[in-house]
Protein backbone atom coordinates (compact mmCIF):
# COMPACT_ATOMS: atom_id res chain seq x y z
CA MET A 1 -13.00 8.62 4.83
CA ILE A 2 -16.11 9.79 3.02
CA SER A 3 -19.19 8.75 4.97
CA ASN A 4 -22.01 7.15 3.03
CA HIS A 5 -25.51 7.33 4.49
CA ARG A 6 -27.79 4.72 3.01
CA GLU A 7 -30.36 2.22 4.19
CA LEU A 8 -28.42 -0.87 3.19
CA ILE A 9 -25.19 -1.85 4.91
CA TYR A 10 -22.79 -3.21 2.31
CA PHE A 11 -20.29 -5.74 3.67
CA ASP A 12 -19.46 -7.45 0.37
CA ASN A 13 -16.43 -5.41 -0.65
CA ALA A 14 -14.28 -8.52 -0.94
CA ALA A 15 -16.44 -9.44 -3.95
CA THR A 16 -16.68 -5.95 -5.41
CA SER A 17 -16.46 -2.53 -3.79
CA TRP A 18 -19.52 -0.35 -3.43
CA PRO A 19 -20.19 2.51 -3.55
CA LYS A 20 -17.58 3.90 -5.91
CA PRO A 21 -16.00 7.33 -5.48
CA PRO A 22 -18.07 9.92 -7.37
CA GLY A 23 -15.24 10.61 -9.81
CA VAL A 24 -15.47 7.09 -11.24
CA ALA A 25 -18.95 7.58 -12.71
CA VAL A 26 -18.00 11.08 -13.87
CA ALA A 27 -14.94 9.79 -15.73
CA MET A 28 -16.91 7.03 -17.42
CA THR A 29 -19.77 9.34 -18.38
CA ASP A 30 -17.35 11.92 -19.74
CA PHE A 31 -15.69 9.25 -21.88
CA ILE A 32 -19.02 8.11 -23.32
CA HIS A 33 -20.29 11.62 -24.03
CA LYS A 34 -17.07 13.36 -25.06
CA ILE A 35 -14.79 10.69 -26.57
CA GLY A 36 -16.37 7.32 -27.31
CA ALA A 37 -13.87 6.32 -29.99
CA ASN A 38 -11.79 3.15 -30.24
CA PRO A 39 -8.29 3.50 -28.75
CA GLY A 40 -5.41 2.77 -31.09
CA ARG A 41 -7.58 2.01 -34.12
CA SER A 42 -7.83 5.36 -35.92
CA GLY A 43 -5.83 8.54 -36.34
CA HIS A 44 -8.59 11.09 -35.73
CA ARG A 45 -8.69 13.27 -32.65
CA LEU A 46 -11.24 11.24 -30.68
CA ALA A 47 -9.31 8.01 -31.21
CA VAL A 48 -6.19 9.80 -30.02
CA ASP A 49 -8.07 11.05 -26.95
CA SER A 50 -9.25 7.51 -26.27
CA SER A 51 -5.69 6.19 -26.46
CA ARG A 52 -4.63 8.89 -24.02
CA VAL A 53 -7.27 7.68 -21.55
CA VAL A 54 -5.93 4.13 -21.75
CA TYR A 55 -2.36 5.27 -21.33
CA ALA A 56 -3.31 7.45 -18.37
CA ALA A 57 -4.79 4.35 -16.74
CA ARG A 58 -1.48 2.52 -17.34
CA GLU A 59 0.38 5.38 -15.72
CA ALA A 60 -1.93 5.30 -12.72
CA VAL A 61 -1.40 1.56 -12.25
CA ALA A 62 2.37 1.93 -12.64
CA ARG A 63 2.42 4.74 -10.08
CA LEU A 64 0.36 2.79 -7.55
CA PHE A 65 2.56 -0.32 -7.73
CA ASN A 66 5.86 1.51 -8.35
CA SER A 67 6.42 0.03 -11.79
CA PRO A 68 8.99 2.12 -13.68
CA ASP A 69 7.43 1.52 -17.11
CA PRO A 70 3.68 2.00 -17.79
CA LEU A 71 4.04 -0.07 -20.98
CA ARG A 72 4.68 -3.12 -18.78
CA VAL A 73 1.09 -2.82 -17.53
CA VAL A 74 -1.16 -5.16 -19.55
CA PHE A 75 -4.92 -4.77 -19.22
CA GLY A 76 -7.46 -7.59 -19.19
CA GLY A 77 -11.10 -8.01 -18.35
CA ASN A 78 -10.44 -9.08 -14.75
CA VAL A 79 -7.85 -10.73 -12.55
CA THR A 80 -9.04 -14.20 -13.61
CA GLU A 81 -8.15 -13.46 -17.22
CA VAL A 82 -4.64 -12.26 -16.45
CA LEU A 83 -3.99 -15.13 -14.04
CA ASN A 84 -4.93 -17.50 -16.87
CA LEU A 85 -2.66 -15.52 -19.18
CA SER A 86 0.23 -15.89 -16.75
CA LEU A 87 -0.23 -19.56 -15.90
CA ARG A 88 -1.27 -20.91 -19.29
CA GLY A 89 1.15 -18.63 -21.14
CA LEU A 90 4.20 -19.45 -19.04
CA LEU A 91 3.97 -23.09 -17.95
CA ARG A 92 4.93 -25.97 -20.24
CA SER A 93 4.77 -29.75 -19.93
CA GLY A 94 7.48 -30.91 -17.55
CA ASN A 95 7.53 -27.63 -15.59
CA HIS A 96 6.85 -27.65 -11.86
CA VAL A 97 4.83 -24.92 -10.13
CA ILE A 98 4.28 -24.25 -6.43
CA THR A 99 1.16 -22.70 -4.91
CA THR A 100 -0.64 -22.73 -1.53
CA SER A 101 -3.76 -24.24 -0.03
CA MET A 102 -5.37 -20.80 0.38
CA GLU A 103 -5.72 -20.00 -3.32
CA HIS A 104 -8.85 -18.91 -5.19
CA ASN A 105 -10.19 -21.06 -8.01
CA SER A 106 -8.89 -18.44 -10.45
CA VAL A 107 -5.50 -19.99 -9.72
CA MET A 108 -6.49 -23.53 -8.77
CA ARG A 109 -8.63 -24.32 -11.80
CA PRO A 110 -6.07 -23.25 -14.42
CA LEU A 111 -3.39 -25.15 -12.52
CA ARG A 112 -5.49 -28.32 -12.28
CA ALA A 113 -6.14 -28.10 -16.03
CA LEU A 114 -2.43 -27.67 -16.69
CA THR A 115 -1.59 -30.81 -14.71
CA ARG A 116 -3.54 -32.73 -17.35
CA GLN A 117 -1.11 -31.29 -19.89
CA GLY A 118 2.03 -32.45 -18.10
CA VAL A 119 2.64 -29.59 -15.65
CA GLU A 120 3.63 -30.75 -12.16
CA LEU A 121 1.95 -29.03 -9.18
CA THR A 122 2.74 -28.82 -5.47
CA VAL A 123 0.16 -27.26 -3.16
CA VAL A 124 1.91 -26.18 0.04
CA PRO A 125 -0.45 -26.44 3.04
CA CYS A 126 -1.15 -23.38 5.15
CA SER A 127 -2.16 -23.46 8.80
CA PRO A 128 -5.86 -23.55 9.83
CA ALA A 129 -5.50 -19.79 10.38
CA GLY A 130 -4.45 -19.40 6.75
CA LEU A 131 -0.83 -18.60 7.61
CA LEU A 132 2.07 -19.79 5.46
CA ASN A 133 5.56 -20.73 6.58
CA PRO A 134 7.96 -19.60 3.83
CA GLU A 135 10.24 -22.53 4.64
CA ASP A 136 7.52 -24.83 3.30
CA ILE A 137 7.85 -23.09 -0.06
CA GLN A 138 11.60 -23.58 0.08
CA ALA A 139 11.16 -27.29 0.80
CA ALA A 140 8.84 -27.76 -2.19
CA ILE A 141 11.32 -26.53 -4.81
CA ARG A 142 12.47 -29.12 -7.35
CA HIS A 143 15.00 -29.14 -10.15
CA ASN A 144 12.22 -28.37 -12.67
CA THR A 145 10.40 -25.67 -10.67
CA VAL A 146 9.87 -22.51 -12.72
CA LEU A 147 7.14 -20.59 -10.89
CA ILE A 148 5.74 -19.85 -7.43
CA THR A 149 2.22 -18.41 -7.43
CA VAL A 150 0.49 -17.14 -4.29
CA ASN A 151 -2.33 -14.84 -3.38
CA HIS A 152 -1.29 -11.76 -1.44
CA ALA A 153 -4.27 -12.16 0.87
CA SER A 154 -6.97 -14.78 1.22
CA ASN A 155 -10.39 -13.84 -0.09
CA VAL A 156 -11.90 -16.07 2.64
CA VAL A 157 -10.20 -14.93 5.86
CA GLY A 158 -8.05 -12.03 4.66
CA THR A 159 -4.78 -13.56 5.88
CA LEU A 160 -1.74 -11.90 4.31
CA LEU A 161 0.95 -14.18 2.92
CA PRO A 162 4.64 -13.25 3.33
CA VAL A 163 5.24 -12.17 -0.26
CA ALA A 164 8.59 -10.47 0.38
CA ASP A 165 9.97 -13.60 2.07
CA ILE A 166 8.69 -15.82 -0.73
CA SER A 167 10.28 -13.47 -3.26
CA GLN A 168 13.69 -13.88 -1.63
CA ILE A 169 13.34 -17.65 -1.94
CA ALA A 170 12.24 -17.34 -5.57
CA ARG A 171 15.16 -15.12 -6.51
CA ALA A 172 17.68 -17.29 -4.71
CA HIS A 173 16.58 -20.17 -6.96
CA ASP A 174 16.06 -18.09 -10.13
CA LEU A 175 12.29 -18.72 -10.09
CA LEU A 176 9.48 -16.37 -11.06
CA LEU A 177 6.90 -15.15 -8.53
CA LEU A 178 3.31 -14.52 -9.61
CA VAL A 179 1.18 -12.70 -7.02
CA ASP A 180 -2.62 -12.59 -7.08
CA ALA A 181 -3.35 -9.17 -5.59
CA ALA A 182 -7.12 -9.26 -6.10
CA GLN A 183 -7.74 -8.68 -2.39
CA THR A 184 -4.91 -6.25 -1.64
CA ALA A 185 -4.47 -3.88 -4.61
CA GLY A 186 -5.51 -0.51 -3.22
CA ALA A 187 -6.13 -1.80 0.32
CA TYR A 188 -2.56 -2.69 1.21
CA PRO A 189 0.65 -1.05 -0.07
CA ILE A 190 2.33 -2.99 -2.89
CA ASN A 191 5.69 -2.12 -4.42
CA ILE A 192 6.66 -4.60 -7.12
CA GLN A 193 10.31 -3.55 -6.93
CA THR A 194 10.95 -3.72 -3.19
CA ASP A 195 8.54 -6.65 -2.75
CA GLY A 196 10.33 -8.54 -5.53
CA ILE A 197 7.19 -9.39 -7.51
CA ASP A 198 7.73 -10.60 -11.06
CA LEU A 199 4.10 -10.78 -12.18
CA LEU A 200 1.39 -8.88 -10.32
CA ALA A 201 -2.22 -9.72 -11.19
CA PHE A 202 -4.86 -7.23 -10.05
CA THR A 203 -8.51 -6.47 -10.53
CA GLY A 204 -10.05 -3.03 -10.82
CA HIS A 205 -13.45 -3.51 -9.23
CA LYS A 206 -12.45 -4.26 -5.62
CA SER A 207 -10.16 -1.99 -3.58
CA LEU A 208 -9.10 0.08 -6.59
CA TYR A 209 -12.74 1.28 -6.65
CA GLY A 210 -13.02 1.01 -10.42
CA PRO A 211 -15.76 -0.66 -12.45
CA MET A 212 -16.21 -4.34 -13.17
CA GLY A 213 -14.59 -5.60 -16.37
CA THR A 214 -11.19 -4.09 -15.57
CA GLY A 215 -7.99 -5.70 -14.38
CA GLY A 216 -4.44 -6.27 -15.43
CA LEU A 217 -1.01 -7.76 -15.12
CA VAL A 218 2.13 -5.83 -14.22
CA PHE A 219 5.37 -7.28 -15.60
CA GLY A 220 8.38 -6.93 -13.33
CA GLU A 221 11.78 -6.11 -14.77
CA ARG A 222 12.98 -9.74 -14.66
CA VAL A 223 10.22 -11.01 -16.94
CA ASP A 224 10.83 -11.26 -20.68
CA PRO A 225 7.47 -11.13 -22.53
CA ASP A 226 8.90 -13.69 -24.98
CA TRP A 227 8.56 -16.28 -22.20
CA ILE A 228 4.77 -16.00 -22.18
CA GLU A 229 2.34 -16.99 -24.91
CA PRO A 230 -0.73 -14.75 -25.44
CA LEU A 231 -4.08 -15.99 -24.18
CA LYS A 232 -5.67 -14.63 -27.36
CA ARG A 233 -4.47 -13.19 -30.64
CA GLY A 234 -6.01 -10.64 -32.98
CA GLY A 235 -6.18 -6.97 -33.82
CA THR A 236 -4.07 -4.64 -31.72
CA GLY A 237 -4.01 -1.50 -33.87
CA SER A 238 -0.27 -2.02 -34.33
CA ARG A 239 1.74 -3.84 -37.02
CA SER A 240 -1.48 -4.27 -38.97
CA GLU A 241 0.45 -5.17 -42.12
CA ARG A 242 1.48 -8.46 -40.47
CA GLU A 243 -0.63 -11.53 -39.75
CA GLU A 244 1.60 -12.46 -36.83
CA GLN A 245 0.94 -11.22 -33.30
CA PRO A 246 3.15 -8.29 -32.20
CA ASP A 247 5.91 -9.42 -29.83
CA PHE A 248 6.19 -6.30 -27.67
CA LEU A 249 4.40 -5.03 -24.55
CA PRO A 250 1.59 -4.33 -24.06
CA ASP A 251 0.27 -5.16 -27.55
CA LYS A 252 1.30 -8.82 -27.45
CA PHE A 253 -1.33 -9.50 -24.77
CA GLU A 254 -4.06 -6.95 -25.60
CA SER A 255 -5.91 -8.15 -28.69
CA GLY A 256 -9.35 -6.75 -29.46
CA THR A 257 -11.11 -3.55 -28.53
CA GLN A 258 -10.33 -2.53 -24.97
CA ASN A 259 -12.79 -1.52 -22.27
CA ALA A 260 -11.66 2.08 -22.59
CA VAL A 261 -14.67 3.49 -20.74
CA GLY A 262 -13.95 1.06 -17.90
CA LEU A 263 -10.30 2.07 -17.86
CA ALA A 264 -11.36 5.71 -17.58
CA GLY A 265 -13.24 4.70 -14.45
CA LEU A 266 -10.32 2.62 -13.20
CA GLU A 267 -7.94 5.56 -13.51
CA ALA A 268 -10.35 7.69 -11.48
CA GLY A 269 -10.64 4.97 -8.84
CA ILE A 270 -6.87 4.61 -8.55
CA HIS A 271 -6.40 8.37 -8.25
CA TRP A 272 -9.00 8.40 -5.47
CA VAL A 273 -6.98 5.72 -3.66
CA LEU A 274 -3.76 7.69 -4.21
CA ASP A 275 -5.39 10.91 -3.01
CA GLN A 276 -6.76 9.25 0.12
CA GLY A 277 -3.50 7.41 0.71
CA GLU A 278 -3.20 3.65 0.98
CA GLU A 279 -1.99 3.92 4.57
CA THR A 280 -5.01 6.06 5.47
CA ILE A 281 -7.38 3.55 3.89
CA ARG A 282 -5.55 0.69 5.59
CA SER A 283 -5.77 2.41 8.99
CA HIS A 284 -9.49 3.08 8.58
CA GLU A 285 -10.24 -0.49 7.54
CA LEU A 286 -8.12 -1.92 10.37
CA GLY A 287 -10.09 0.14 12.88
CA LEU A 288 -13.34 -1.24 11.51
CA LEU A 289 -11.98 -4.79 11.43
CA ARG A 290 -10.83 -4.67 15.05
CA GLN A 291 -14.28 -3.53 16.17
CA LEU A 292 -15.96 -6.25 14.15
CA MET A 293 -13.60 -8.98 15.29
CA GLU A 294 -13.89 -8.04 18.96
CA GLY A 295 -17.68 -7.81 18.75
CA LEU A 296 -18.19 -11.13 17.01
CA LEU A 297 -15.75 -12.98 19.27
CA GLU A 298 -17.90 -12.01 22.27
CA ILE A 299 -21.05 -13.63 20.84
CA ALA A 300 -21.73 -17.14 22.12
CA GLY A 301 -22.03 -19.61 19.26
CA VAL A 302 -20.00 -17.54 16.79
CA THR A 303 -16.71 -18.91 15.46
CA VAL A 304 -14.37 -16.44 13.77
CA TYR A 305 -11.78 -17.86 11.36
CA GLY A 306 -8.34 -16.71 10.36
CA SER A 307 -5.43 -15.19 12.25
CA LEU A 308 -7.60 -13.30 14.80
CA ASP A 309 -5.00 -10.53 14.47
CA ALA A 310 -6.17 -7.60 12.38
CA ASN A 311 -2.59 -6.62 11.55
CA LEU A 312 -2.07 -9.93 9.74
CA GLN A 313 -4.99 -9.62 7.35
CA THR A 314 -7.11 -7.43 5.16
CA ALA A 315 -10.52 -6.16 6.30
CA THR A 316 -12.19 -9.45 5.39
CA LEU A 317 -13.63 -11.63 8.15
CA SER A 318 -15.30 -15.05 7.98
CA PHE A 319 -17.46 -16.58 10.70
CA THR A 320 -20.08 -19.24 11.35
CA LEU A 321 -22.99 -19.37 13.79
CA ASP A 322 -23.80 -22.60 15.60
CA GLY A 323 -27.27 -23.91 14.77
CA MET A 324 -27.74 -21.81 11.63
CA SER A 325 -26.23 -22.46 8.19
CA PRO A 326 -24.17 -19.72 6.54
CA SER A 327 -26.78 -19.42 3.79
CA GLU A 328 -29.56 -18.86 6.32
CA VAL A 329 -27.46 -16.36 8.26
CA GLY A 330 -26.80 -14.40 5.06
CA LEU A 331 -30.46 -14.44 4.06
CA ARG A 332 -31.61 -13.26 7.47
CA LEU A 333 -28.99 -10.52 7.63
CA ASP A 334 -30.18 -9.23 4.26
CA GLU A 335 -33.93 -9.52 4.74
CA ASP A 336 -34.22 -8.57 8.42
CA TYR A 337 -31.33 -6.13 8.94
CA GLY A 338 -30.30 -4.84 5.50
CA VAL A 339 -26.78 -6.20 6.00
CA LEU A 340 -25.38 -7.48 2.70
CA CYS A 341 -22.60 -10.06 2.79
CA ARG A 342 -21.46 -13.22 1.03
CA VAL A 343 -21.87 -16.80 2.18
CA GLY A 344 -20.62 -20.22 1.08
CA LEU A 345 -17.25 -21.25 -0.34
CA HIS A 346 -16.31 -17.96 -2.01
CA CYS A 347 -14.83 -19.78 -5.04
CA ALA A 348 -12.02 -21.05 -2.80
CA PRO A 349 -12.74 -24.66 -1.74
CA ALA A 350 -9.07 -25.35 -0.96
CA ALA A 351 -9.03 -22.46 1.50
CA HIS A 352 -12.16 -23.74 3.23
CA LYS A 353 -10.63 -27.21 3.50
CA THR A 354 -7.60 -25.56 5.08
CA ILE A 355 -9.57 -23.66 7.73
CA GLY A 356 -12.01 -26.54 8.33
CA THR A 357 -15.23 -25.11 6.90
CA PHE A 358 -15.64 -27.24 3.78
CA PRO A 359 -18.19 -28.00 2.31
CA VAL A 360 -20.61 -25.60 4.03
CA GLY A 361 -18.42 -22.51 4.01
CA THR A 362 -18.73 -19.37 6.07
CA VAL A 363 -20.42 -16.00 6.32
CA ARG A 364 -18.00 -13.37 5.01
CA PHE A 365 -18.01 -9.69 5.89
CA GLY A 366 -15.79 -7.75 3.47
CA LEU A 367 -15.25 -4.21 4.74
CA GLY A 368 -14.21 -1.24 2.64
CA ALA A 369 -13.21 2.40 2.77
CA PHE A 370 -16.80 3.64 2.81
CA ASN A 371 -17.97 1.55 5.76
CA THR A 372 -18.44 3.31 9.11
CA ASP A 373 -18.18 2.54 12.82
CA GLU A 374 -21.97 2.79 13.07
CA GLU A 375 -22.40 0.13 10.38
CA ILE A 376 -20.02 -2.20 12.19
CA GLN A 377 -22.05 -1.90 15.38
CA ILE A 378 -25.29 -2.58 13.49
CA GLY A 379 -23.72 -5.65 11.92
CA ILE A 380 -22.56 -6.97 15.30
CA LYS A 381 -26.00 -6.43 16.86
CA ALA A 382 -27.67 -8.19 13.95
CA VAL A 383 -25.49 -11.28 14.47
CA GLN A 384 -26.18 -11.09 18.21
CA GLN A 385 -29.91 -11.19 17.56
CA LEU A 386 -29.56 -14.22 15.29
CA ALA A 387 -27.43 -15.97 17.90
CA LEU A 388 -30.16 -15.44 20.51
CA GLU A 389 -32.63 -17.22 18.26
CA VAL A 390 -30.62 -20.45 18.18
CA LYS A 391 -29.68 -20.66 21.83
């Protein structure tokens, strides 16, 4: 890994990764200074160059997730947008959908809204460690079930859900599987073909090390785009003679001017991940997580949540400190020790109810590829010092 010497210790990678690989800023700056044109909207050379940048980003996404067709990669502003596209575009009144109690509000809120429009919802409970028994998914299937939607890993405790096992259940019942990979894309190997994922929602600004304002949806081979209604309609640069939305991928779901400069940065971020190797990044982050977990578990008054097994989660760890609220812990870590983290409910109240930390929440350390062993030890010592204050 590339070491990063700086005064602040950044443990908020589960929200957005920082710093970015140097090539990300270079790619975005080059686009602004050398291209700058609108992709797909004109025939001149700069517009063509801009379209090539966007297509190169599609190819990078397809390569990372082993999608055979880059045109089945649809870009959006973030994972929330494409999750809304998937859920609101696919589900109809009378349909039944299954999800879990560890989901982010980017899934829960659209689903709750859809229940007011006649969609039926089952939330399968996970264990207090955030673990899911696939048999509980099987038991929840009804005659009108059309979709199973799960996160690949919890943004609260990092617990990985058994996507491949869930996929087997989905395919046995001819159901679609939508996976929210916000926390795993780039940090954990994903292969939409061997994992049996029908719709893969990802964001660019976390472990793909791209900029904010980038994300997308990868359509698996079983999904017909005709099944899904667009979230928005408008100019696509194609079929401009018609006032009806194009019906083919990716144009059907990509109305309006794209964030081409952001996609230039996303491509650079993905290529950095590919060059480093997902397994190398995973190994590095697991080493950091094990140190952090072991260190925090030894501190009296600290409760660590989740599986307590680094192999079963991403490099995200949540904890609380007896006698001090998560918000106060986060403030003190920032102001006194320069350790930056996130506190509270992390936009996932259902997950906190599952692990028993609602409504106060937890302190969350989200580790990334640029964190170091030294930073982990500083973070542990900072929590130790706070724990001594409340003894």
